[in-house]
Amino acid sequence: MTVFADAFFYVAFINQLDEHHDEVMAWARSFDGDIVTTQWVLTEVADAFAESHIRRQIKAGFDSLAEDPRHG
């Protein structure tokens, strides 16, 4: 199964203080399939963390995605 993840999913997944974090994490742990998204969603996620102390980690994660041969 393949599902589309939007910025809501990724922000809640990354931000442990997000009110939906636990729910998103539980779903992600139980999901057995592929998650797809778009560059626009990733841009929204980057914007959400632009002023965050994890800004550099977000960029490193996106750089890692760009290097993955399954993406491109």
Protein backbone atom coordinates (compact mmCIF):
# COMPACT_ATOMS: atom_id res chain seq x y z
CA MET A 1 0.00 0.00 0.00
CA THR A 2 1.17 3.52 -0.77
CA VAL A 3 -0.08 6.60 1.07
CA PHE A 4 0.53 10.31 0.60
CA ALA A 5 1.90 12.25 3.56
CA ASP A 6 1.32 15.96 3.87
CA ALA A 7 3.08 18.58 5.98
CA PHE A 8 0.76 17.87 8.93
CA PHE A 9 2.11 14.31 9.09
CA TYR A 10 5.78 15.28 8.91
CA VAL A 11 5.53 18.18 11.36
CA ALA A 12 3.76 15.98 13.91
CA PHE A 13 6.22 13.15 13.24
CA ILE A 14 9.27 15.34 13.81
CA ASN A 15 8.00 17.61 16.60
CA GLN A 16 7.72 15.68 19.84
CA LEU A 17 5.78 18.59 21.35
CA ASP A 18 3.11 18.53 18.65
CA GLU A 19 -0.27 17.49 20.04
CA HIS A 20 -0.59 14.83 17.32
CA HIS A 21 2.94 13.42 17.64
CA ASP A 22 2.02 10.27 19.58
CA GLU A 23 -0.86 9.43 17.25
CA VAL A 24 1.28 9.92 14.13
CA MET A 25 4.12 7.87 15.61
CA ALA A 26 1.77 5.02 16.52
CA TRP A 27 0.36 4.99 13.01
CA ALA A 28 3.82 5.12 11.42
CA ARG A 29 5.05 2.21 13.55
CA SER A 30 2.11 0.07 12.49
CA PHE A 31 2.11 1.05 8.81
CA ASP A 32 3.61 -1.44 6.38
CA GLY A 33 3.90 0.27 3.03
CA ASP A 34 5.37 3.21 1.21
CA ILE A 35 4.89 6.85 2.10
CA VAL A 36 5.17 9.38 -0.70
CA THR A 37 5.12 13.16 -0.69
CA THR A 38 6.05 16.11 -2.86
CA GLN A 39 8.77 18.72 -2.87
CA TRP A 40 6.11 21.30 -2.00
CA VAL A 41 5.21 19.39 1.16
CA LEU A 42 8.87 19.22 2.13
CA THR A 43 9.10 22.97 1.55
CA GLU A 44 6.19 23.48 3.95
CA VAL A 45 7.91 21.28 6.53
CA ALA A 46 11.17 23.20 6.14
CA ASP A 47 9.24 26.44 6.62
CA ALA A 48 7.60 25.08 9.78
CA PHE A 49 11.04 24.46 11.29
CA ALA A 50 12.84 27.51 9.85
CA GLU A 51 13.12 29.20 13.24
CA SER A 52 13.63 25.95 15.15
CA HIS A 53 16.73 24.73 16.95
CA ILE A 54 16.59 21.64 14.69
CA ARG A 55 16.77 23.65 11.47
CA ARG A 56 20.16 22.18 10.50
CA GLN A 57 18.94 18.64 11.21
CA ILE A 58 15.94 19.20 8.95
CA LYS A 59 18.24 20.38 6.16
CA ALA A 60 20.55 17.38 6.66
CA GLY A 61 17.54 15.06 6.45
CA PHE A 62 16.37 16.68 3.23
CA ASP A 63 19.89 16.49 1.80
CA SER A 64 19.92 12.78 2.63
CA LEU A 65 16.61 12.33 0.82
CA ALA A 66 18.00 14.08 -2.24
CA GLU A 67 20.92 11.65 -2.34
CA ASP A 68 18.71 8.56 -2.08
CA PRO A 69 18.61 6.84 -5.50
CA ARG A 70 14.92 5.99 -5.01
CA HIS A 71 14.09 9.70 -5.20
CA GLY A 72 14.75 12.01 -7.99
